[in-house]
């Protein structure tokens, strides 16, 4: 197979599998690293570039294949999803789930990173998703 055909297969299958269900993910640093590693493993194998060859991931992605970082694609997909949910009627279940505020108290300790907090920080443009807010 030629390079273009392999790249189309990657775009149709591998990227779709890596992004499936990602609109509701809370991405932590470790998960971002693993997603990027999976993408780069496929691309290096497809281009027949071993890890012994010191080739930067960004150069492989952009110059040789023209693909984008999978984590950036997922974050863009999540932003589009939240905009879609915000446009929905208030009687729709995804909109109700997004607007739901539980009553009661939280557990002791640092709050878990939530999907809403992650998206809120990214929409603000800070990009710093490691500090969840307590809202």
Protein backbone atom coordinates (compact mmCIF):
# COMPACT_ATOMS: atom_id res chain seq x y z
CA UNK A 1 0.00 0.00 0.00
CA UNK A 2 1.15 3.52 -0.63
CA UNK A 3 1.51 6.22 2.04
CA UNK A 4 -1.77 7.99 1.23
CA UNK A 5 -3.82 4.80 1.57
CA UNK A 6 -2.21 3.94 4.89
CA UNK A 7 -2.82 7.45 6.15
CA UNK A 8 -6.49 7.25 5.16
CA UNK A 9 -6.79 3.94 7.04
CA UNK A 10 -5.22 5.64 10.07
CA UNK A 11 -7.65 8.55 9.86
CA UNK A 12 -10.67 6.28 9.49
CA UNK A 13 -9.83 3.60 12.04
CA UNK A 14 -7.08 4.44 14.52
CA UNK A 15 -8.05 8.06 15.19
CA UNK A 16 -11.72 7.12 15.41
CA UNK A 17 -10.95 4.42 17.97
CA UNK A 18 -8.75 6.75 20.03
CA UNK A 19 -11.46 9.44 20.03
CA UNK A 20 -14.50 7.20 20.63
CA UNK A 21 -16.52 8.40 23.61
CA UNK A 22 -14.05 11.17 24.34
CA UNK A 23 -16.66 13.91 24.67
CA UNK A 24 -17.19 12.90 28.31
CA UNK A 25 -13.59 12.11 29.28
CA UNK A 26 -11.68 13.92 31.97
CA UNK A 27 -8.17 13.92 30.53
CA UNK A 28 -5.35 13.79 33.02
CA UNK A 29 -1.71 14.21 32.07
CA UNK A 30 -1.04 10.47 32.16
CA UNK A 31 -3.97 9.74 29.85
CA UNK A 32 -2.87 12.48 27.45
CA UNK A 33 0.60 10.94 27.33
CA UNK A 34 -0.81 7.48 26.65
CA UNK A 35 -3.05 8.72 23.84
CA UNK A 36 -0.17 10.54 22.21
CA UNK A 37 2.08 7.49 22.62
CA UNK A 38 -0.51 5.26 20.93
CA UNK A 39 -0.82 7.68 18.03
CA UNK A 40 2.94 8.01 17.63
CA UNK A 41 3.45 4.25 17.82
CA UNK A 42 1.09 3.81 14.89
CA UNK A 43 2.64 6.65 12.87
CA UNK A 44 6.22 5.50 13.47
CA UNK A 45 5.30 1.96 12.49
CA UNK A 46 3.49 3.19 9.40
CA UNK A 47 6.47 5.35 8.33
CA UNK A 48 8.99 2.68 9.37
CA UNK A 49 10.81 5.05 11.72
CA UNK A 50 12.33 3.31 14.73
CA UNK A 51 12.76 4.96 18.10
CA UNK A 52 16.51 4.76 17.59
CA UNK A 53 16.14 7.37 14.87
CA UNK A 54 15.94 10.66 16.76
CA UNK A 55 12.95 12.18 15.02
CA UNK A 56 10.69 14.56 16.94
CA UNK A 57 7.04 13.58 17.24
CA UNK A 58 5.86 16.98 16.08
CA UNK A 59 7.94 16.73 12.91
CA UNK A 60 6.62 13.25 12.16
CA UNK A 61 3.03 14.39 12.74
CA UNK A 62 3.06 17.62 10.77
CA UNK A 63 5.73 17.36 8.09
CA UNK A 64 5.58 13.70 7.15
CA UNK A 65 1.92 12.78 7.69
CA UNK A 66 0.04 16.06 8.06
CA UNK A 67 -1.90 14.81 11.09
CA UNK A 68 -2.53 16.70 14.32
CA UNK A 69 -1.91 15.72 17.92
CA UNK A 70 -4.74 13.43 19.04
CA UNK A 71 -5.06 15.21 22.40
CA UNK A 72 -5.68 18.55 20.65
CA UNK A 73 -8.28 16.89 18.44
CA UNK A 74 -10.05 15.43 21.48
CA UNK A 75 -10.08 18.79 23.27
CA UNK A 76 -11.50 20.50 20.18
CA UNK A 77 -14.11 17.73 19.95
CA UNK A 78 -15.07 18.26 23.61
CA UNK A 79 -15.50 22.01 23.06
CA UNK A 80 -17.77 21.35 20.09
CA UNK A 81 -19.77 18.87 22.17
CA UNK A 82 -20.32 21.32 25.04
CA UNK A 83 -21.48 23.97 22.56
CA UNK A 84 -23.88 21.44 21.06
CA UNK A 85 -25.31 20.53 24.48
CA UNK A 86 -25.71 24.20 25.43
CA UNK A 87 -27.83 24.78 22.31
CA UNK A 88 -30.21 21.92 23.25
CA UNK A 89 -33.65 22.42 24.78
CA UNK A 90 -33.78 22.30 28.57
CA UNK A 91 -35.93 19.14 28.53
CA UNK A 92 -33.17 17.09 26.85
CA UNK A 93 -31.24 14.71 29.12
CA UNK A 94 -27.68 15.83 28.22
CA UNK A 95 -28.61 19.45 28.98
CA UNK A 96 -30.18 18.43 32.30
CA UNK A 97 -27.10 16.40 33.22
CA UNK A 98 -24.85 19.37 32.41
CA UNK A 99 -26.91 21.75 34.54
CA UNK A 100 -27.36 19.32 37.47
CA UNK A 101 -26.01 20.53 40.81
CA UNK A 102 -25.99 17.84 43.51
CA UNK A 103 -26.99 18.73 47.04
CA UNK A 104 -25.05 17.71 50.08
CA UNK A 105 -21.40 17.75 51.05
CA UNK A 106 -18.30 16.61 49.26
CA UNK A 107 -15.85 14.09 50.63
CA UNK A 108 -12.81 15.23 52.57
CA UNK A 109 -9.68 15.97 50.56
CA UNK A 110 -8.88 17.34 47.18
CA UNK A 111 -11.87 17.39 44.83
CA UNK A 112 -11.73 15.05 41.88
CA UNK A 113 -11.12 16.60 38.52
CA UNK A 114 -14.44 17.06 36.78
CA UNK A 115 -15.34 17.30 33.11
CA UNK A 116 -17.04 20.66 33.58
CA UNK A 117 -13.98 22.13 35.33
CA UNK A 118 -11.66 20.92 32.59
CA UNK A 119 -13.79 22.47 29.85
CA UNK A 120 -14.26 25.70 31.80
CA UNK A 121 -10.50 26.17 32.09
CA UNK A 122 -9.95 25.43 28.41
CA UNK A 123 -12.71 27.80 27.28
CA UNK A 124 -11.12 30.55 29.38
CA UNK A 125 -7.93 29.90 27.44
CA UNK A 126 -5.70 29.04 30.38
CA UNK A 127 -5.19 25.48 29.26
CA UNK A 128 -4.14 24.64 32.80
CA UNK A 129 -6.33 21.65 33.59
CA UNK A 130 -4.37 20.38 36.60
CA UNK A 131 -6.12 22.59 39.20
CA UNK A 132 -9.81 21.69 39.48
CA UNK A 133 -12.03 24.42 40.86
CA UNK A 134 -14.38 23.75 43.73
CA UNK A 135 -17.55 24.94 41.97
